[in-house]
Amino acid sequence: MKQIITIFLGVFTILVVSCKNEVQSKADSSAEKKPTELTQINRSKQQVQPLTKAQFSAFFPEYLGSHKRYNVHVSAPEAMATASYGDFKNTFNYSLVDGAKKKAVLKNFETAYHSDLKGPEGTEYIKKERDGFRTIAFLQPNIKRYTIEFIYKSRFRLFLEGSEHPDVLWSYIKKEDLQKLDSY
């Protein structure tokens, strides 16, 4: 009986020691991988930061057509900004949303673009490609308000809302203004 217990304890000791070595070698190999993975994740987070207040403000042109900008409101926590143009009787709002951290902003546009949008009676949605950009226009002719929106560089969602038809609103969106976003 003593021999059986000795053999059993010997086998048990060997198993425990080999299991400890295996667990320790797995821990060592995962410890080696973690800093590399974390470094890559941190680098990717550092590369795509939402725009700052100054960058948002610098994006908006001084004029939309003949309408002068009179206000820029930046909401940094929401990663969005809106510039107001015109006067209090005839206001145009140009909004920029940075989807760097909130990809849902971009997905919502894509979902809307591919769905059958229906607004209240007297309104209309028009989905159309303009200058290579997929756009969604929302027309409210009864109250003379129109909106056009699109995605730029798979990151930024832009809205322009005013009292002019979406084709005219689109003419206010200038390539040189959009290119300000290229370096971000």
Protein backbone atom coordinates (compact mmCIF):
# COMPACT_ATOMS: atom_id res chain seq x y z
CA MET A 1 0.00 0.00 0.00
CA LYS A 2 2.87 2.37 0.81
CA GLN A 3 4.28 1.77 -2.65
CA ILE A 4 0.97 2.64 -4.32
CA ILE A 5 0.64 5.85 -2.28
CA THR A 6 4.26 6.80 -3.07
CA ILE A 7 3.72 6.16 -6.79
CA PHE A 8 0.43 8.08 -6.69
CA LEU A 9 2.07 11.06 -4.91
CA GLY A 10 4.99 10.97 -7.35
CA VAL A 11 2.69 11.04 -10.39
CA PHE A 12 0.59 13.78 -8.76
CA THR A 13 3.71 15.89 -8.06
CA ILE A 14 4.91 15.49 -11.63
CA LEU A 15 1.50 16.55 -12.96
CA VAL A 16 1.36 19.61 -10.68
CA VAL A 17 4.88 20.73 -11.62
CA SER A 18 4.25 20.29 -15.35
CA CYS A 19 0.93 22.17 -15.14
CA LYS A 20 2.61 25.04 -13.30
CA ASN A 21 5.32 25.23 -15.96
CA GLU A 22 2.70 25.23 -18.74
CA VAL A 23 0.63 27.97 -17.07
CA GLN A 24 3.75 30.04 -16.43
CA SER A 25 4.96 29.69 -20.04
CA LYS A 26 1.49 30.72 -21.34
CA ALA A 27 1.48 33.73 -19.00
CA ASP A 28 4.96 34.70 -20.19
CA SER A 29 4.00 34.47 -23.86
CA SER A 30 0.78 36.47 -23.36
CA ALA A 31 2.68 39.06 -21.32
CA GLU A 32 5.06 39.46 -24.27
CA LYS A 33 2.14 39.98 -26.71
CA LYS A 34 0.07 42.37 -24.63
CA PRO A 35 2.38 45.41 -24.77
CA THR A 36 2.64 45.07 -28.55
CA GLU A 37 -1.14 44.79 -28.97
CA LEU A 38 -1.76 47.66 -26.56
CA THR A 39 0.82 49.77 -28.35
CA GLN A 40 -0.92 49.16 -31.68
CA ILE A 41 -4.33 49.98 -30.19
CA ASN A 42 -2.96 53.14 -28.59
CA ARG A 43 -1.33 54.18 -31.86
CA SER A 44 -4.58 53.73 -33.77
CA LYS A 45 -6.43 55.75 -31.13
CA GLN A 46 -3.82 58.49 -31.32
CA GLN A 47 -4.01 58.64 -35.10
CA VAL A 48 -7.75 59.39 -35.26
CA GLN A 49 -8.67 62.05 -32.76
CA PRO A 50 -11.85 64.11 -33.12
CA LEU A 51 -11.40 67.64 -34.32
CA THR A 52 -10.59 70.31 -31.76
CA LYS A 53 -12.65 73.48 -31.30
CA ALA A 54 -10.10 75.43 -33.33
CA GLN A 55 -10.15 72.88 -36.17
CA PHE A 56 -13.96 72.89 -36.26
CA SER A 57 -14.05 76.68 -36.35
CA ALA A 58 -11.40 76.89 -39.08
CA PHE A 59 -13.44 74.62 -41.36
CA PHE A 60 -16.40 76.93 -41.93
CA PRO A 61 -16.07 79.51 -44.73
CA GLU A 62 -16.71 83.19 -44.04
CA TYR A 63 -19.50 83.20 -46.65
CA LEU A 64 -22.00 80.73 -48.08
CA GLY A 65 -22.82 82.37 -51.39
CA SER A 66 -23.65 85.93 -50.35
CA HIS A 67 -24.62 84.92 -46.82
CA LYS A 68 -22.08 85.99 -44.17
CA ARG A 69 -21.26 83.77 -41.22
CA TYR A 70 -22.31 85.32 -37.92
CA ASN A 71 -21.88 82.49 -35.42
CA VAL A 72 -20.04 79.20 -34.90
CA HIS A 73 -21.11 76.90 -32.09
CA VAL A 74 -18.78 74.00 -31.27
CA SER A 75 -19.78 71.11 -29.05
CA ALA A 76 -16.49 69.30 -28.48
CA PRO A 77 -17.95 66.44 -26.39
CA GLU A 78 -20.35 65.64 -29.24
CA ALA A 79 -17.62 66.19 -31.87
CA MET A 80 -19.80 68.53 -33.86
CA ALA A 81 -20.09 72.19 -34.79
CA THR A 82 -22.65 74.40 -36.53
CA ALA A 83 -22.05 77.72 -38.26
CA SER A 84 -24.94 80.11 -38.86
CA TYR A 85 -25.10 82.33 -41.93
CA GLY A 86 -27.39 85.02 -43.28
CA ASP A 87 -29.56 87.00 -40.90
CA PHE A 88 -32.27 86.21 -38.41
CA LYS A 89 -34.95 86.34 -41.11
CA ASN A 90 -33.14 84.02 -43.50
CA THR A 91 -30.73 81.72 -41.63
CA PHE A 92 -28.57 78.96 -43.07
CA ASN A 93 -26.99 76.36 -40.77
CA TYR A 94 -23.93 74.43 -41.88
CA SER A 95 -23.07 71.52 -39.54
CA LEU A 96 -20.07 69.24 -39.36
CA VAL A 97 -20.02 66.04 -37.30
CA ASP A 98 -16.75 64.16 -36.81
CA GLY A 99 -17.30 60.40 -36.83
CA ALA A 100 -13.76 59.60 -35.64
CA LYS A 101 -15.00 58.14 -32.36
CA LYS A 102 -18.70 57.64 -33.09
CA LYS A 103 -19.01 55.44 -36.15
CA ALA A 104 -22.79 55.36 -35.67
CA VAL A 105 -22.89 58.85 -37.18
CA LEU A 106 -21.69 57.39 -40.47
CA LYS A 107 -23.72 54.18 -40.23
CA ASN A 108 -26.92 56.15 -39.65
CA PHE A 109 -26.36 58.02 -42.90
CA GLU A 110 -25.71 54.80 -44.80
CA THR A 111 -28.81 53.20 -43.31
CA ALA A 112 -30.93 56.21 -44.24
CA TYR A 113 -29.48 56.31 -47.75
CA HIS A 114 -30.38 52.67 -48.39
CA SER A 115 -33.84 52.81 -46.82
CA ASP A 116 -37.15 54.01 -48.17
CA LEU A 117 -37.50 57.34 -46.38
CA LYS A 118 -40.94 58.82 -46.02
CA GLY A 119 -41.58 62.13 -44.31
CA PRO A 120 -44.78 63.83 -43.21
CA GLU A 121 -47.28 64.92 -45.85
CA GLY A 122 -45.94 67.84 -47.88
CA THR A 123 -42.30 66.79 -47.48
CA GLU A 124 -39.99 64.80 -49.69
CA TYR A 125 -36.64 63.02 -49.50
CA ILE A 126 -34.35 62.97 -52.51
CA LYS A 127 -31.36 60.64 -52.60
CA LYS A 128 -28.97 61.66 -55.33
CA GLU A 129 -25.30 61.46 -56.21
CA ARG A 130 -23.76 64.92 -56.56
CA ASP A 131 -20.14 65.36 -57.64
CA GLY A 132 -19.35 61.80 -56.55
CA PHE A 133 -21.01 62.13 -53.13
CA ARG A 134 -24.16 60.32 -52.10
CA THR A 135 -26.52 62.94 -50.71
CA ILE A 136 -29.86 62.97 -48.95
CA ALA A 137 -31.99 66.05 -49.35
CA PHE A 138 -35.04 66.75 -47.22
CA LEU A 139 -37.52 69.18 -48.77
CA GLN A 140 -40.13 71.05 -46.75
CA PRO A 141 -41.56 73.44 -49.35
CA ASN A 142 -44.55 74.46 -47.21
CA ILE A 143 -42.23 76.18 -44.74
CA LYS A 144 -39.42 76.86 -47.25
CA ARG A 145 -36.77 74.83 -45.42
CA TYR A 146 -34.46 72.42 -47.14
CA THR A 147 -31.59 70.26 -45.93
CA ILE A 148 -28.85 68.40 -47.75
CA GLU A 149 -26.41 66.01 -46.08
CA PHE A 150 -23.52 63.79 -47.11
CA ILE A 151 -20.41 61.96 -45.87
CA TYR A 152 -16.90 63.18 -46.60
CA LYS A 153 -13.83 60.94 -46.45
CA SER A 154 -15.72 58.16 -44.61
CA ARG A 155 -15.40 60.23 -41.45
CA PHE A 156 -17.28 63.52 -41.58
CA ARG A 157 -21.02 63.99 -41.90
CA LEU A 158 -22.04 67.40 -43.21
CA PHE A 159 -25.47 69.05 -43.21
CA LEU A 160 -26.50 72.29 -44.86
CA GLU A 161 -29.95 73.65 -44.08
CA GLY A 162 -31.59 76.79 -45.41
CA SER A 163 -34.39 78.40 -47.37
CA GLU A 164 -33.02 77.49 -50.81
CA HIS A 165 -33.52 74.34 -52.87
CA PRO A 166 -30.97 71.55 -52.23
CA ASP A 167 -29.36 72.11 -55.64
CA VAL A 168 -28.58 75.69 -54.61
CA LEU A 169 -27.48 74.57 -51.14
CA TRP A 170 -25.14 72.08 -52.79
CA SER A 171 -23.57 74.87 -54.85
CA TYR A 172 -22.47 76.51 -51.57
CA ILE A 173 -20.36 73.48 -50.62
CA LYS A 174 -16.94 74.21 -52.06
CA LYS A 175 -14.22 71.69 -52.76
CA GLU A 176 -11.55 73.93 -51.19
CA ASP A 177 -13.53 74.05 -47.95
CA LEU A 178 -13.86 70.28 -47.85
CA GLN A 179 -10.14 69.87 -48.51
CA LYS A 180 -9.45 71.55 -45.17
CA LEU A 181 -10.58 68.24 -43.65
CA ASP A 182 -8.13 66.14 -45.67
CA SER A 183 -5.25 66.50 -43.19
CA TYR A 184 -7.28 65.23 -40.23
